[in-house]
Amino acid sequence: MSETTRVVLVDDDPLVRSGLALILGGDPGLEVVASASDGVEALDVVARERPDVVLMDIRMPRLDGIETTRRLRDRRELRDVRVIVLTTFDTDDMIVEALRAGAAGFLLKDTPPARLVEAVRAAAAGEPTLSPRVAAHLIAAVTERSAPDGRQAAAARVDALTDREREVALAVARGLSNADIAAELYMSVPTVKTHVSRILTKLDAANRVQAAIVVHDAGLAAG
């Protein structure tokens, strides 16, 4: 675990980029390898640098963070890059769209430095970057908008899970980390990771947040 997590910053405000670089650069396990001022530039920078994590602003000129995230997700060679979207308001409808586009989570721009570092580390490790409370709030918002045919499609995908995978998927939908799931379901953490990997494949989800949305769309998770 001594490997450095490589980060790209994407924000149209140079002061925000500088502040984020100072915060993340102060952690020996993180390295800010590049930055971009909008989505168009970000696509080139991310393709060139192949970072582990991208901190992506939502509102930007030329190409916003949602469409940029979607385009990164569509490029198979960049699917392992974890995108955390940045926003000013946690009620912003665009956050939901960003999660649908493939973002691994989101952070408010006033997130405390220690939490920011923790979230980047978590994203790089494939862990949730949303607290259970926030995850439930956002996923509920997505579920409310789900069309009947969308719910049917989600249910069909969930039907492909084994009983044990379904248990793990429900825990993921509650925002639990791998360690929490392991403790709750009496498994080892490596076993949980294996189940999560299979769940993402079967649900055609880019990350845990999208998997949680599918579970909620299927009507299996408590609100």
C-alpha atoms as a PDB file:
ATOM      1  CA  MET A   1       0.000   0.000   0.000  1.00  0.00           C
ATOM      2  CA  SER A   2       3.004   2.283  -0.344  1.00  0.00           C
ATOM      3  CA  GLU A   3       2.029   3.038  -3.943  1.00  0.00           C
ATOM      4  CA  THR A   4       1.205   6.696  -4.534  1.00  0.00           C
ATOM      5  CA  THR A   5      -2.311   7.626  -5.644  1.00  0.00           C
ATOM      6  CA  ARG A   6      -2.133   9.860  -8.716  1.00  0.00           C
ATOM      7  CA  VAL A   7      -4.726  12.638  -8.941  1.00  0.00           C
ATOM      8  CA  VAL A   8      -5.869  15.036 -11.665  1.00  0.00           C
ATOM      9  CA  LEU A   9      -7.760  18.213 -10.710  1.00  0.00           C
ATOM     10  CA  VAL A  10     -10.421  19.639 -13.029  1.00  0.00           C
ATOM     11  CA  ASP A  11     -11.919  23.035 -12.186  1.00  0.00           C
ATOM     12  CA  ASP A  12     -12.323  26.294 -14.082  1.00  0.00           C
ATOM     13  CA  ASP A  13     -11.320  28.332 -11.010  1.00  0.00           C
ATOM     14  CA  PRO A  14      -7.517  28.491 -10.666  1.00  0.00           C
ATOM     15  CA  LEU A  15      -7.834  29.341  -6.958  1.00  0.00           C
ATOM     16  CA  VAL A  16      -9.830  26.166  -6.349  1.00  0.00           C
ATOM     17  CA  ARG A  17      -7.268  24.115  -8.245  1.00  0.00           C
ATOM     18  CA  SER A  18      -4.442  25.668  -6.230  1.00  0.00           C
ATOM     19  CA  GLY A  19      -6.229  25.044  -2.948  1.00  0.00           C
ATOM     20  CA  LEU A  20      -6.954  21.433  -3.794  1.00  0.00           C
ATOM     21  CA  ALA A  21      -3.365  20.903  -4.917  1.00  0.00           C
ATOM     22  CA  LEU A  22      -2.059  22.275  -1.606  1.00  0.00           C
ATOM     23  CA  ILE A  23      -4.382  20.052   0.423  1.00  0.00           C
ATOM     24  CA  LEU A  24      -3.717  16.848  -1.490  1.00  0.00           C
ATOM     25  CA  GLY A  25      -0.030  17.574  -2.014  1.00  0.00           C
ATOM     26  CA  GLY A  26       0.454  17.647   1.726  1.00  0.00           C
ATOM     27  CA  ASP A  27      -0.307  13.940   1.967  1.00  0.00           C
ATOM     28  CA  PRO A  28       2.678  11.690   1.189  1.00  0.00           C
ATOM     29  CA  GLY A  29       0.426   9.060  -0.342  1.00  0.00           C
ATOM     30  CA  LEU A  30      -1.152  11.402  -2.892  1.00  0.00           C
ATOM     31  CA  GLU A  31       0.357  13.115  -5.915  1.00  0.00           C
ATOM     32  CA  VAL A  32      -1.372  15.750  -8.041  1.00  0.00           C
ATOM     33  CA  VAL A  33       0.031  14.934 -11.468  1.00  0.00           C
ATOM     34  CA  ALA A  34      -1.877  17.474 -13.580  1.00  0.00           C
ATOM     35  CA  SER A  35      -4.840  19.833 -13.709  1.00  0.00           C
ATOM     36  CA  ALA A  36      -7.325  21.064 -16.296  1.00  0.00           C
ATOM     37  CA  SER A  37      -9.553  24.127 -16.525  1.00  0.00           C
ATOM     38  CA  ASP A  38     -12.515  22.513 -18.305  1.00  0.00           C
ATOM     39  CA  GLY A  39     -13.863  19.212 -19.568  1.00  0.00           C
ATOM     40  CA  VAL A  40     -12.344  19.402 -23.031  1.00  0.00           C
ATOM     41  CA  GLU A  41      -8.879  19.857 -21.568  1.00  0.00           C
ATOM     42  CA  ALA A  42      -9.610  17.208 -18.940  1.00  0.00           C
ATOM     43  CA  LEU A  43     -10.278  14.503 -21.534  1.00  0.00           C
ATOM     44  CA  ASP A  44      -6.813  14.994 -22.998  1.00  0.00           C
ATOM     45  CA  VAL A  45      -5.088  15.311 -19.622  1.00  0.00           C
ATOM     46  CA  VAL A  46      -6.710  12.194 -18.164  1.00  0.00           C
ATOM     47  CA  ALA A  47      -5.954  10.148 -21.295  1.00  0.00           C
ATOM     48  CA  ARG A  48      -2.321  11.223 -21.101  1.00  0.00           C
ATOM     49  CA  GLU A  49      -1.751  10.895 -17.352  1.00  0.00           C
ATOM     50  CA  ARG A  50      -3.971   7.868 -16.560  1.00  0.00           C
ATOM     51  CA  PRO A  51      -4.527   8.981 -12.943  1.00  0.00           C
ATOM     52  CA  ASP A  52      -6.150   6.887 -10.250  1.00  0.00           C
ATOM     53  CA  VAL A  53      -8.610   9.613  -9.245  1.00  0.00           C
ATOM     54  CA  VAL A  54     -10.029  12.735 -10.880  1.00  0.00           C
ATOM     55  CA  LEU A  55     -11.594  15.533  -8.826  1.00  0.00           C
ATOM     56  CA  MET A  56     -14.110  16.984 -11.288  1.00  0.00           C
ATOM     57  CA  ASP A  57     -16.008  20.243 -10.993  1.00  0.00           C
ATOM     58  CA  ILE A  58     -19.577  20.046 -12.307  1.00  0.00           C
ATOM     59  CA  ARG A  59     -20.086  23.548 -13.715  1.00  0.00           C
ATOM     60  CA  MET A  60     -17.409  24.417 -16.275  1.00  0.00           C
ATOM     61  CA  PRO A  61     -17.277  26.152 -19.674  1.00  0.00           C
ATOM     62  CA  ARG A  62     -17.089  24.276 -22.996  1.00  0.00           C
ATOM     63  CA  LEU A  63     -17.763  20.849 -21.462  1.00  0.00           C
ATOM     64  CA  ASP A  64     -19.284  20.370 -18.003  1.00  0.00           C
ATOM     65  CA  GLY A  65     -18.268  17.770 -15.463  1.00  0.00           C
ATOM     66  CA  ILE A  66     -21.236  15.504 -16.125  1.00  0.00           C
ATOM     67  CA  GLU A  67     -20.594  15.097 -19.843  1.00  0.00           C
ATOM     68  CA  THR A  68     -16.844  14.841 -19.223  1.00  0.00           C
ATOM     69  CA  THR A  69     -17.433  12.040 -16.713  1.00  0.00           C
ATOM     70  CA  ARG A  70     -19.741  10.270 -19.171  1.00  0.00           C
ATOM     71  CA  ARG A  71     -17.150  10.450 -21.941  1.00  0.00           C
ATOM     72  CA  LEU A  72     -14.428   9.119 -19.648  1.00  0.00           C
ATOM     73  CA  ARG A  73     -16.712   6.252 -18.654  1.00  0.00           C
ATOM     74  CA  ASP A  74     -17.340   5.457 -22.333  1.00  0.00           C
ATOM     75  CA  ARG A  75     -13.616   5.038 -23.010  1.00  0.00           C
ATOM     76  CA  ARG A  76     -12.821   1.486 -22.013  1.00  0.00           C
ATOM     77  CA  GLU A  77      -9.138   2.193 -21.381  1.00  0.00           C
ATOM     78  CA  LEU A  78     -10.096   4.855 -18.804  1.00  0.00           C
ATOM     79  CA  ARG A  79     -12.801   2.930 -16.943  1.00  0.00           C
ATOM     80  CA  ASP A  80     -10.520   2.300 -13.974  1.00  0.00           C
ATOM     81  CA  VAL A  81     -10.158   6.039 -13.381  1.00  0.00           C
ATOM     82  CA  ARG A  82     -12.323   7.043 -10.404  1.00  0.00           C
ATOM     83  CA  VAL A  83     -14.128  10.364 -10.783  1.00  0.00           C
ATOM     84  CA  ILE A  84     -15.278  12.332  -7.744  1.00  0.00           C
ATOM     85  CA  VAL A  85     -17.441  15.278  -8.721  1.00  0.00           C
ATOM     86  CA  LEU A  86     -17.200  18.560  -6.839  1.00  0.00           C
ATOM     87  CA  THR A  87     -20.193  20.778  -6.190  1.00  0.00           C
ATOM     88  CA  THR A  88     -21.325  23.709  -4.097  1.00  0.00           C
ATOM     89  CA  PHE A  89     -24.776  22.415  -3.138  1.00  0.00           C
ATOM     90  CA  ASP A  90     -25.696  18.908  -2.075  1.00  0.00           C
ATOM     91  CA  THR A  91     -29.236  19.396  -3.456  1.00  0.00           C
ATOM     92  CA  ASP A  92     -28.002  20.145  -6.964  1.00  0.00           C
ATOM     93  CA  ASP A  93     -29.880  17.976  -9.476  1.00  0.00           C
ATOM     94  CA  MET A  94     -26.728  17.707 -11.546  1.00  0.00           C
ATOM     95  CA  ILE A  95     -25.127  15.574  -8.817  1.00  0.00           C
ATOM     96  CA  VAL A  96     -27.639  12.839  -9.528  1.00  0.00           C
ATOM     97  CA  GLU A  97     -26.886  13.066 -13.224  1.00  0.00           C
ATOM     98  CA  ALA A  98     -23.157  12.875 -12.503  1.00  0.00           C
ATOM     99  CA  LEU A  99     -23.651   9.647 -10.551  1.00  0.00           C
ATOM    100  CA  ARG A 100     -25.647   8.221 -13.420  1.00  0.00           C
ATOM    101  CA  ALA A 101     -22.824   9.267 -15.759  1.00  0.00           C
ATOM    102  CA  GLY A 102     -20.377   7.122 -13.809  1.00  0.00           C
ATOM    103  CA  ALA A 103     -18.955   9.301 -11.034  1.00  0.00           C
ATOM    104  CA  ALA A 104     -17.724   7.331  -8.026  1.00  0.00           C
ATOM    105  CA  GLY A 105     -19.189   9.891  -5.636  1.00  0.00           C
ATOM    106  CA  PHE A 106     -19.226  13.567  -4.853  1.00  0.00           C
ATOM    107  CA  LEU A 107     -17.806  16.069  -2.400  1.00  0.00           C
ATOM    108  CA  LEU A 108     -18.851  19.568  -1.444  1.00  0.00           C
ATOM    109  CA  LYS A 109     -16.239  22.205  -2.160  1.00  0.00           C
ATOM    110  CA  ASP A 110     -16.141  23.139   1.529  1.00  0.00           C
ATOM    111  CA  THR A 111     -15.247  19.577   2.549  1.00  0.00           C
ATOM    112  CA  PRO A 112     -12.637  19.652   5.358  1.00  0.00           C
ATOM    113  CA  PRO A 113      -9.106  18.858   4.140  1.00  0.00           C
ATOM    114  CA  ALA A 114      -8.831  15.635   6.131  1.00  0.00           C
ATOM    115  CA  ARG A 115     -12.116  14.345   4.698  1.00  0.00           C
ATOM    116  CA  LEU A 116     -11.024  15.317   1.189  1.00  0.00           C
ATOM    117  CA  VAL A 117      -7.831  13.290   1.517  1.00  0.00           C
ATOM    118  CA  GLU A 118      -9.779  10.363   2.994  1.00  0.00           C
ATOM    119  CA  ALA A 119     -12.282  10.462   0.124  1.00  0.00           C
ATOM    120  CA  VAL A 120      -9.570  10.435  -2.538  1.00  0.00           C
ATOM    121  CA  ARG A 121      -7.875   7.495  -0.834  1.00  0.00           C
ATOM    122  CA  ALA A 122     -11.203   5.675  -0.573  1.00  0.00           C
ATOM    123  CA  ALA A 123     -12.034   6.253  -4.227  1.00  0.00           C
ATOM    124  CA  ALA A 124      -8.641   4.939  -5.314  1.00  0.00           C
ATOM    125  CA  ALA A 125      -9.295   1.793  -3.264  1.00  0.00           C
ATOM    126  CA  GLY A 126     -12.747   1.340  -4.783  1.00  0.00           C
ATOM    127  CA  GLU A 127     -14.500   2.261  -1.560  1.00  0.00           C
ATOM    128  CA  PRO A 128     -17.596   4.486  -1.320  1.00  0.00           C
ATOM    129  CA  THR A 129     -16.928   8.224  -1.282  1.00  0.00           C
ATOM    130  CA  LEU A 130     -20.387   9.067   0.032  1.00  0.00           C
ATOM    131  CA  SER A 131     -21.504   8.818   3.616  1.00  0.00           C
ATOM    132  CA  PRO A 132     -24.444   6.443   4.124  1.00  0.00           C
ATOM    133  CA  ARG A 133     -26.734   9.425   4.861  1.00  0.00           C
ATOM    134  CA  VAL A 134     -25.790  11.308   1.720  1.00  0.00           C
ATOM    135  CA  ALA A 135     -25.835   8.155  -0.387  1.00  0.00           C
ATOM    136  CA  ALA A 136     -29.358   7.374   0.765  1.00  0.00           C
ATOM    137  CA  HIS A 137     -30.480  10.937  -0.001  1.00  0.00           C
ATOM    138  CA  LEU A 138     -29.100  10.925  -3.526  1.00  0.00           C
ATOM    139  CA  ILE A 139     -30.111   7.399  -4.424  1.00  0.00           C
ATOM    140  CA  ALA A 140     -33.642   8.072  -3.185  1.00  0.00           C
ATOM    141  CA  ALA A 141     -33.776  11.073  -5.511  1.00  0.00           C
ATOM    142  CA  VAL A 142     -32.726   8.874  -8.417  1.00  0.00           C
ATOM    143  CA  THR A 143     -35.240   6.181  -7.519  1.00  0.00           C
ATOM    144  CA  GLU A 144     -38.124   8.659  -7.437  1.00  0.00           C
ATOM    145  CA  ARG A 145     -37.412   9.533 -11.063  1.00  0.00           C
ATOM    146  CA  SER A 146     -37.068   5.964 -12.283  1.00  0.00           C
ATOM    147  CA  ALA A 147     -39.534   5.063 -15.012  1.00  0.00           C
ATOM    148  CA  PRO A 148     -41.397   1.726 -14.773  1.00  0.00           C
ATOM    149  CA  ASP A 149     -39.346   0.250 -17.618  1.00  0.00           C
ATOM    150  CA  GLY A 150     -36.178   1.365 -15.832  1.00  0.00           C
ATOM    151  CA  ARG A 151     -37.313  -0.424 -12.682  1.00  0.00           C
ATOM    152  CA  GLN A 152     -37.990  -3.576 -14.690  1.00  0.00           C
ATOM    153  CA  ALA A 153     -34.538  -3.447 -16.275  1.00  0.00           C
ATOM    154  CA  ALA A 154     -32.943  -2.964 -12.848  1.00  0.00           C
ATOM    155  CA  ALA A 155     -34.890  -5.902 -11.405  1.00  0.00           C
ATOM    156  CA  ALA A 156     -33.782  -8.113 -14.288  1.00  0.00           C
ATOM    157  CA  ARG A 157     -30.140  -7.274 -13.621  1.00  0.00           C
ATOM    158  CA  VAL A 158     -30.491  -7.918  -9.899  1.00  0.00           C
ATOM    159  CA  ASP A 159     -32.099 -11.305 -10.645  1.00  0.00           C
ATOM    160  CA  ALA A 160     -28.732 -12.401 -12.078  1.00  0.00           C
ATOM    161  CA  LEU A 161     -27.134 -12.125  -8.617  1.00  0.00           C
ATOM    162  CA  THR A 162     -26.688 -15.105  -6.333  1.00  0.00           C
ATOM    163  CA  ASP A 163     -28.279 -14.937  -2.877  1.00  0.00           C
ATOM    164  CA  ARG A 164     -24.952 -14.014  -1.296  1.00  0.00           C
ATOM    165  CA  GLU A 165     -24.214 -11.398  -3.941  1.00  0.00           C
ATOM    166  CA  ARG A 166     -27.646  -9.923  -3.327  1.00  0.00           C
ATOM    167  CA  GLU A 167     -26.869  -9.606   0.386  1.00  0.00           C
ATOM    168  CA  VAL A 168     -23.639  -7.799  -0.437  1.00  0.00           C
ATOM    169  CA  ALA A 169     -25.384  -5.601  -3.009  1.00  0.00           C
ATOM    170  CA  LEU A 170     -27.967  -4.548  -0.425  1.00  0.00           C
ATOM    171  CA  ALA A 171     -25.150  -3.626   1.959  1.00  0.00           C
ATOM    172  CA  VAL A 172     -23.439  -1.631  -0.794  1.00  0.00           C
ATOM    173  CA  ALA A 173     -26.736   0.187  -1.379  1.00  0.00           C
ATOM    174  CA  ARG A 174     -26.692   1.228   2.277  1.00  0.00           C
ATOM    175  CA  GLY A 175     -23.300   2.870   1.762  1.00  0.00           C
ATOM    176  CA  LEU A 176     -21.311   0.333   3.781  1.00  0.00           C
ATOM    177  CA  SER A 177     -17.583  -0.090   3.220  1.00  0.00           C
ATOM    178  CA  ASN A 178     -15.992  -3.459   2.467  1.00  0.00           C
ATOM    179  CA  ALA A 179     -14.848  -3.749   6.079  1.00  0.00           C
ATOM    180  CA  ASP A 180     -18.361  -2.992   7.374  1.00  0.00           C
ATOM    181  CA  ILE A 181     -19.891  -5.555   5.005  1.00  0.00           C
ATOM    182  CA  ALA A 182     -17.328  -8.151   6.045  1.00  0.00           C
ATOM    183  CA  ALA A 183     -18.182  -7.652   9.722  1.00  0.00           C
ATOM    184  CA  GLU A 184     -21.931  -7.657   9.155  1.00  0.00           C
ATOM    185  CA  LEU A 185     -22.044 -10.707   6.862  1.00  0.00           C
ATOM    186  CA  TYR A 186     -19.227 -12.649   8.539  1.00  0.00           C
ATOM    187  CA  MET A 187     -16.908 -12.675   5.536  1.00  0.00           C
ATOM    188  CA  SER A 188     -13.310 -11.745   4.964  1.00  0.00           C
ATOM    189  CA  VAL A 189     -12.625  -8.405   3.272  1.00  0.00           C
ATOM    190  CA  PRO A 190     -11.034 -10.131   0.218  1.00  0.00           C
ATOM    191  CA  THR A 191     -14.197 -12.215  -0.174  1.00  0.00           C
ATOM    192  CA  VAL A 192     -16.331  -9.065  -0.045  1.00  0.00           C
ATOM    193  CA  LYS A 193     -14.135  -7.466  -2.703  1.00  0.00           C
ATOM    194  CA  THR A 194     -14.607 -10.505  -4.936  1.00  0.00           C
ATOM    195  CA  HIS A 195     -18.384 -10.332  -4.499  1.00  0.00           C
ATOM    196  CA  VAL A 196     -18.436  -6.584  -5.207  1.00  0.00           C
ATOM    197  CA  SER A 197     -16.422  -7.093  -8.383  1.00  0.00           C
ATOM    198  CA  ARG A 198     -18.878  -9.731  -9.603  1.00  0.00           C
ATOM    199  CA  ILE A 199     -21.835  -7.537  -8.658  1.00  0.00           C
ATOM    200  CA  LEU A 200     -20.489  -4.607 -10.669  1.00  0.00           C
ATOM    201  CA  THR A 201     -20.063  -6.865 -13.695  1.00  0.00           C
ATOM    202  CA  LYS A 202     -23.526  -8.418 -13.428  1.00  0.00           C
ATOM    203  CA  LEU A 203     -25.241  -5.066 -12.837  1.00  0.00           C
ATOM    204  CA  ASP A 204     -23.193  -3.381 -15.592  1.00  0.00           C
ATOM    205  CA  ALA A 205     -22.232  -0.727 -13.052  1.00  0.00           C
ATOM    206  CA  ALA A 206     -19.118   1.423 -13.254  1.00  0.00           C
ATOM    207  CA  ASN A 207     -18.800   1.667  -9.470  1.00  0.00           C
ATOM    208  CA  ARG A 208     -20.509   1.074  -6.138  1.00  0.00           C
ATOM    209  CA  VAL A 209     -22.715   4.141  -6.414  1.00  0.00           C
ATOM    210  CA  GLN A 210     -24.170   2.990  -9.721  1.00  0.00           C
ATOM    211  CA  ALA A 211     -24.640  -0.507  -8.281  1.00  0.00           C
ATOM    212  CA  ALA A 212     -26.519   0.998  -5.344  1.00  0.00           C
ATOM    213  CA  ILE A 213     -28.744   2.941  -7.742  1.00  0.00           C
ATOM    214  CA  VAL A 214     -29.615  -0.275  -9.610  1.00  0.00           C
ATOM    215  CA  VAL A 215     -30.513  -1.970  -6.329  1.00  0.00           C
ATOM    216  CA  HIS A 216     -32.746   0.950  -5.346  1.00  0.00           C
ATOM    217  CA  ASP A 217     -34.291   1.121  -8.827  1.00  0.00           C
ATOM    218  CA  ALA A 218     -35.159  -2.567  -8.472  1.00  0.00           C
ATOM    219  CA  GLY A 219     -37.040  -1.746  -5.271  1.00  0.00           C
ATOM    220  CA  LEU A 220     -34.903  -3.955  -3.033  1.00  0.00           C
ATOM    221  CA  ALA A 221     -33.352  -1.385  -0.686  1.00  0.00           C
ATOM    222  CA  ALA A 222     -35.124   0.338   2.138  1.00  0.00           C
ATOM    223  CA  GLY A 223     -35.601   4.037   1.666  1.00  0.00           C
END
